[in-house]
């Protein structure tokens, strides 16, 4: 099968690897104050704090009523992680955005295109973070990412 993919020009996706921080190293997060209060600023803040790695892809966001969206896919401790970030205009919420935000606030997830996605809301931002590996190292990183996301207040 690998030969078939190569012959057809198919390539396996190469993902950046984000290395776990050794437990003996003190880590001080980069403060949010120096970043713009928009999706790009949130992404740069998460990158600076080594919460995400790799190329930032644009995501379809209109289905959930957001005004912008992006995704990172990277390897962390051998697991493929996906982190999605969305921005909402809280002063101009439409029906889709209200439904999405209410669902995440009430249930911790939302439905898009028939799929249930776990998410968290912090102000005008929403994060979907998925890591299929729930071991201690990956859980610690997931907790760090959540703390950073919730503390983004430029």
C-alpha atoms as a PDB file:
ATOM      1  CA  UNK A   1       0.000   0.000   0.000  1.00  0.00           C
ATOM      2  CA  UNK A   2       2.866   2.406   0.791  1.00  0.00           C
ATOM      3  CA  UNK A   3       4.211   1.788  -2.683  1.00  0.00           C
ATOM      4  CA  UNK A   4       0.791   2.620  -4.131  1.00  0.00           C
ATOM      5  CA  UNK A   5       0.663   5.918  -2.241  1.00  0.00           C
ATOM      6  CA  UNK A   6       4.167   6.827  -3.362  1.00  0.00           C
ATOM      7  CA  UNK A   7       3.394   5.976  -6.949  1.00  0.00           C
ATOM      8  CA  UNK A   8       0.259   8.125  -6.830  1.00  0.00           C
ATOM      9  CA  UNK A   9       2.170  11.064  -5.397  1.00  0.00           C
ATOM     10  CA  UNK A  10       0.583  10.745  -1.954  1.00  0.00           C
ATOM     11  CA  UNK A  11       2.632  11.791   1.032  1.00  0.00           C
ATOM     12  CA  UNK A  12       2.218  11.196   4.731  1.00  0.00           C
ATOM     13  CA  UNK A  13       1.683  14.405   6.630  1.00  0.00           C
ATOM     14  CA  UNK A  14       4.792  15.558   8.500  1.00  0.00           C
ATOM     15  CA  UNK A  15       3.863  17.171  11.809  1.00  0.00           C
ATOM     16  CA  UNK A  16       6.065  19.326  14.042  1.00  0.00           C
ATOM     17  CA  UNK A  17       6.964  17.755  17.348  1.00  0.00           C
ATOM     18  CA  UNK A  18       6.570  19.687  20.579  1.00  0.00           C
ATOM     19  CA  UNK A  19       8.892  18.172  23.162  1.00  0.00           C
ATOM     20  CA  UNK A  20       7.641  17.760  26.738  1.00  0.00           C
ATOM     21  CA  UNK A  21       9.353  20.012  29.278  1.00  0.00           C
ATOM     22  CA  UNK A  22      11.385  18.045  31.807  1.00  0.00           C
ATOM     23  CA  UNK A  23       9.843  18.072  35.244  1.00  0.00           C
ATOM     24  CA  UNK A  24      13.052  19.500  36.743  1.00  0.00           C
ATOM     25  CA  UNK A  25      12.889  22.712  34.706  1.00  0.00           C
ATOM     26  CA  UNK A  26      11.088  25.759  36.076  1.00  0.00           C
ATOM     27  CA  UNK A  27       8.931  27.287  33.404  1.00  0.00           C
ATOM     28  CA  UNK A  28       7.691  30.872  33.420  1.00  0.00           C
ATOM     29  CA  UNK A  29       4.920  31.676  30.947  1.00  0.00           C
ATOM     30  CA  UNK A  30       5.121  34.625  28.588  1.00  0.00           C
ATOM     31  CA  UNK A  31       2.591  37.217  29.781  1.00  0.00           C
ATOM     32  CA  UNK A  32      -0.456  37.962  27.619  1.00  0.00           C
ATOM     33  CA  UNK A  33      -0.116  41.741  27.951  1.00  0.00           C
ATOM     34  CA  UNK A  34       2.192  42.052  24.930  1.00  0.00           C
ATOM     35  CA  UNK A  35      -0.223  40.406  22.486  1.00  0.00           C
ATOM     36  CA  UNK A  36      -3.136  41.833  20.479  1.00  0.00           C
ATOM     37  CA  UNK A  37      -6.650  40.979  21.649  1.00  0.00           C
ATOM     38  CA  UNK A  38      -7.607  39.039  18.526  1.00  0.00           C
ATOM     39  CA  UNK A  39      -7.254  35.484  17.237  1.00  0.00           C
ATOM     40  CA  UNK A  40      -3.801  36.159  15.797  1.00  0.00           C
ATOM     41  CA  UNK A  41      -2.663  37.537  19.160  1.00  0.00           C
ATOM     42  CA  UNK A  42      -4.041  34.477  20.976  1.00  0.00           C
ATOM     43  CA  UNK A  43      -2.211  32.177  18.555  1.00  0.00           C
ATOM     44  CA  UNK A  44       1.091  34.040  18.960  1.00  0.00           C
ATOM     45  CA  UNK A  45       0.653  33.889  22.746  1.00  0.00           C
ATOM     46  CA  UNK A  46       0.043  30.113  22.634  1.00  0.00           C
ATOM     47  CA  UNK A  47       3.065  29.639  20.336  1.00  0.00           C
ATOM     48  CA  UNK A  48       5.310  31.777  22.579  1.00  0.00           C
ATOM     49  CA  UNK A  49       4.299  29.648  25.567  1.00  0.00           C
ATOM     50  CA  UNK A  50       5.002  26.384  23.711  1.00  0.00           C
ATOM     51  CA  UNK A  51       1.384  25.287  24.028  1.00  0.00           C
ATOM     52  CA  UNK A  52       1.147  24.577  20.290  1.00  0.00           C
ATOM     53  CA  UNK A  53       3.576  23.938  17.463  1.00  0.00           C
ATOM     54  CA  UNK A  54       3.687  23.759  13.701  1.00  0.00           C
ATOM     55  CA  UNK A  55       1.835  25.496  10.942  1.00  0.00           C
ATOM     56  CA  UNK A  56      -1.358  27.358  11.762  1.00  0.00           C
ATOM     57  CA  UNK A  57      -4.132  26.379   9.336  1.00  0.00           C
ATOM     58  CA  UNK A  58      -7.234  28.447   8.709  1.00  0.00           C
ATOM     59  CA  UNK A  59     -10.415  26.686   9.793  1.00  0.00           C
ATOM     60  CA  UNK A  60     -13.956  27.033   8.558  1.00  0.00           C
ATOM     61  CA  UNK A  61     -15.692  29.055  11.243  1.00  0.00           C
ATOM     62  CA  UNK A  62     -18.963  30.302   9.773  1.00  0.00           C
ATOM     63  CA  UNK A  63     -20.744  27.019  10.599  1.00  0.00           C
ATOM     64  CA  UNK A  64     -20.486  27.891  14.292  1.00  0.00           C
ATOM     65  CA  UNK A  65     -20.987  31.648  13.928  1.00  0.00           C
ATOM     66  CA  UNK A  66     -17.406  32.638  14.741  1.00  0.00           C
ATOM     67  CA  UNK A  67     -15.581  35.468  12.996  1.00  0.00           C
ATOM     68  CA  UNK A  68     -12.265  33.603  12.638  1.00  0.00           C
ATOM     69  CA  UNK A  69     -10.750  30.200  13.302  1.00  0.00           C
ATOM     70  CA  UNK A  70      -7.474  28.310  13.087  1.00  0.00           C
ATOM     71  CA  UNK A  71      -5.969  24.930  13.898  1.00  0.00           C
ATOM     72  CA  UNK A  72      -2.607  23.474  14.890  1.00  0.00           C
ATOM     73  CA  UNK A  73      -1.705  19.797  14.483  1.00  0.00           C
ATOM     74  CA  UNK A  74       1.486  18.543  16.078  1.00  0.00           C
ATOM     75  CA  UNK A  75       3.080  15.601  17.834  1.00  0.00           C
ATOM     76  CA  UNK A  76       3.401  15.648  21.612  1.00  0.00           C
ATOM     77  CA  UNK A  77       4.972  12.720  23.476  1.00  0.00           C
ATOM     78  CA  UNK A  78       4.183  10.452  20.524  1.00  0.00           C
ATOM     79  CA  UNK A  79       0.540  11.518  20.233  1.00  0.00           C
ATOM     80  CA  UNK A  80      -1.046  13.564  17.442  1.00  0.00           C
ATOM     81  CA  UNK A  81      -2.621  16.620  19.059  1.00  0.00           C
ATOM     82  CA  UNK A  82      -5.056  19.054  17.513  1.00  0.00           C
ATOM     83  CA  UNK A  83      -5.722  22.524  18.942  1.00  0.00           C
ATOM     84  CA  UNK A  84      -8.382  24.727  17.371  1.00  0.00           C
ATOM     85  CA  UNK A  85      -9.080  28.330  18.321  1.00  0.00           C
ATOM     86  CA  UNK A  86     -12.065  30.463  17.350  1.00  0.00           C
ATOM     87  CA  UNK A  87     -13.005  34.094  17.934  1.00  0.00           C
ATOM     88  CA  UNK A  88     -16.560  35.387  18.317  1.00  0.00           C
ATOM     89  CA  UNK A  89     -17.893  38.947  18.075  1.00  0.00           C
ATOM     90  CA  UNK A  90     -19.770  39.080  21.375  1.00  0.00           C
ATOM     91  CA  UNK A  91     -21.457  42.371  20.404  1.00  0.00           C
ATOM     92  CA  UNK A  92     -22.986  40.841  17.255  1.00  0.00           C
ATOM     93  CA  UNK A  93     -23.896  37.249  18.034  1.00  0.00           C
ATOM     94  CA  UNK A  94     -26.096  35.529  15.491  1.00  0.00           C
ATOM     95  CA  UNK A  95     -28.210  32.455  16.051  1.00  0.00           C
ATOM     96  CA  UNK A  96     -25.382  30.024  15.213  1.00  0.00           C
ATOM     97  CA  UNK A  97     -22.867  31.709  17.483  1.00  0.00           C
ATOM     98  CA  UNK A  98     -25.329  31.942  20.397  1.00  0.00           C
ATOM     99  CA  UNK A  99     -26.194  28.271  19.988  1.00  0.00           C
ATOM    100  CA  UNK A 100     -22.518  27.246  19.917  1.00  0.00           C
ATOM    101  CA  UNK A 101     -21.481  29.373  22.896  1.00  0.00           C
ATOM    102  CA  UNK A 102     -24.514  28.303  24.956  1.00  0.00           C
ATOM    103  CA  UNK A 103     -23.823  24.645  24.210  1.00  0.00           C
ATOM    104  CA  UNK A 104     -20.158  24.901  25.227  1.00  0.00           C
ATOM    105  CA  UNK A 105     -21.062  26.850  28.366  1.00  0.00           C
ATOM    106  CA  UNK A 106     -23.752  24.365  29.407  1.00  0.00           C
ATOM    107  CA  UNK A 107     -22.313  21.028  28.232  1.00  0.00           C
ATOM    108  CA  UNK A 108     -18.640  21.611  27.480  1.00  0.00           C
ATOM    109  CA  UNK A 109     -19.166  20.685  23.827  1.00  0.00           C
ATOM    110  CA  UNK A 110     -20.942  21.718  20.644  1.00  0.00           C
ATOM    111  CA  UNK A 111     -22.227  19.971  17.537  1.00  0.00           C
ATOM    112  CA  UNK A 112     -20.923  20.870  14.100  1.00  0.00           C
ATOM    113  CA  UNK A 113     -21.678  18.969  10.909  1.00  0.00           C
ATOM    114  CA  UNK A 114     -23.157  16.148  12.984  1.00  0.00           C
ATOM    115  CA  UNK A 115     -20.065  15.721  15.173  1.00  0.00           C
ATOM    116  CA  UNK A 116     -19.781  16.509  18.874  1.00  0.00           C
ATOM    117  CA  UNK A 117     -16.656  18.504  19.764  1.00  0.00           C
ATOM    118  CA  UNK A 118     -15.439  19.140  23.324  1.00  0.00           C
ATOM    119  CA  UNK A 119     -14.599  22.805  23.849  1.00  0.00           C
ATOM    120  CA  UNK A 120     -14.037  25.573  26.371  1.00  0.00           C
ATOM    121  CA  UNK A 121     -14.955  29.251  26.213  1.00  0.00           C
ATOM    122  CA  UNK A 122     -12.915  32.123  27.629  1.00  0.00           C
ATOM    123  CA  UNK A 123     -14.335  35.547  26.869  1.00  0.00           C
ATOM    124  CA  UNK A 124     -14.719  35.857  23.111  1.00  0.00           C
ATOM    125  CA  UNK A 125     -12.505  32.844  22.367  1.00  0.00           C
ATOM    126  CA  UNK A 126     -13.250  29.144  22.101  1.00  0.00           C
ATOM    127  CA  UNK A 127     -10.720  26.306  22.162  1.00  0.00           C
ATOM    128  CA  UNK A 128     -11.075  22.706  21.024  1.00  0.00           C
ATOM    129  CA  UNK A 129      -8.107  20.654  22.242  1.00  0.00           C
ATOM    130  CA  UNK A 130      -7.882  16.957  21.472  1.00  0.00           C
ATOM    131  CA  UNK A 131      -5.147  14.545  22.451  1.00  0.00           C
ATOM    132  CA  UNK A 132      -6.018  10.846  22.282  1.00  0.00           C
ATOM    133  CA  UNK A 133      -3.236   9.984  24.766  1.00  0.00           C
ATOM    134  CA  UNK A 134      -4.340  10.606  28.340  1.00  0.00           C
ATOM    135  CA  UNK A 135      -1.110   9.611  30.078  1.00  0.00           C
ATOM    136  CA  UNK A 136       0.408  11.800  32.793  1.00  0.00           C
ATOM    137  CA  UNK A 137       2.713  13.770  30.451  1.00  0.00           C
ATOM    138  CA  UNK A 138      -0.008  14.530  27.908  1.00  0.00           C
ATOM    139  CA  UNK A 139      -2.570  15.379  30.598  1.00  0.00           C
ATOM    140  CA  UNK A 140      -0.109  17.817  32.184  1.00  0.00           C
ATOM    141  CA  UNK A 141       0.391  19.533  28.821  1.00  0.00           C
ATOM    142  CA  UNK A 142      -3.365  19.659  28.217  1.00  0.00           C
ATOM    143  CA  UNK A 143      -3.816  21.289  31.637  1.00  0.00           C
ATOM    144  CA  UNK A 144      -1.055  23.812  30.820  1.00  0.00           C
ATOM    145  CA  UNK A 145      -2.724  24.667  27.497  1.00  0.00           C
ATOM    146  CA  UNK A 146      -6.083  25.163  29.223  1.00  0.00           C
ATOM    147  CA  UNK A 147      -4.523  27.405  31.894  1.00  0.00           C
ATOM    148  CA  UNK A 148      -2.781  29.500  29.245  1.00  0.00           C
ATOM    149  CA  UNK A 149      -5.953  29.773  27.193  1.00  0.00           C
ATOM    150  CA  UNK A 150      -7.998  30.880  30.192  1.00  0.00           C
ATOM    151  CA  UNK A 151      -5.357  33.417  31.226  1.00  0.00           C
ATOM    152  CA  UNK A 152      -5.202  35.168  27.827  1.00  0.00           C
ATOM    153  CA  UNK A 153      -6.315  38.655  28.817  1.00  0.00           C
ATOM    154  CA  UNK A 154      -4.219  41.187  26.848  1.00  0.00           C
END
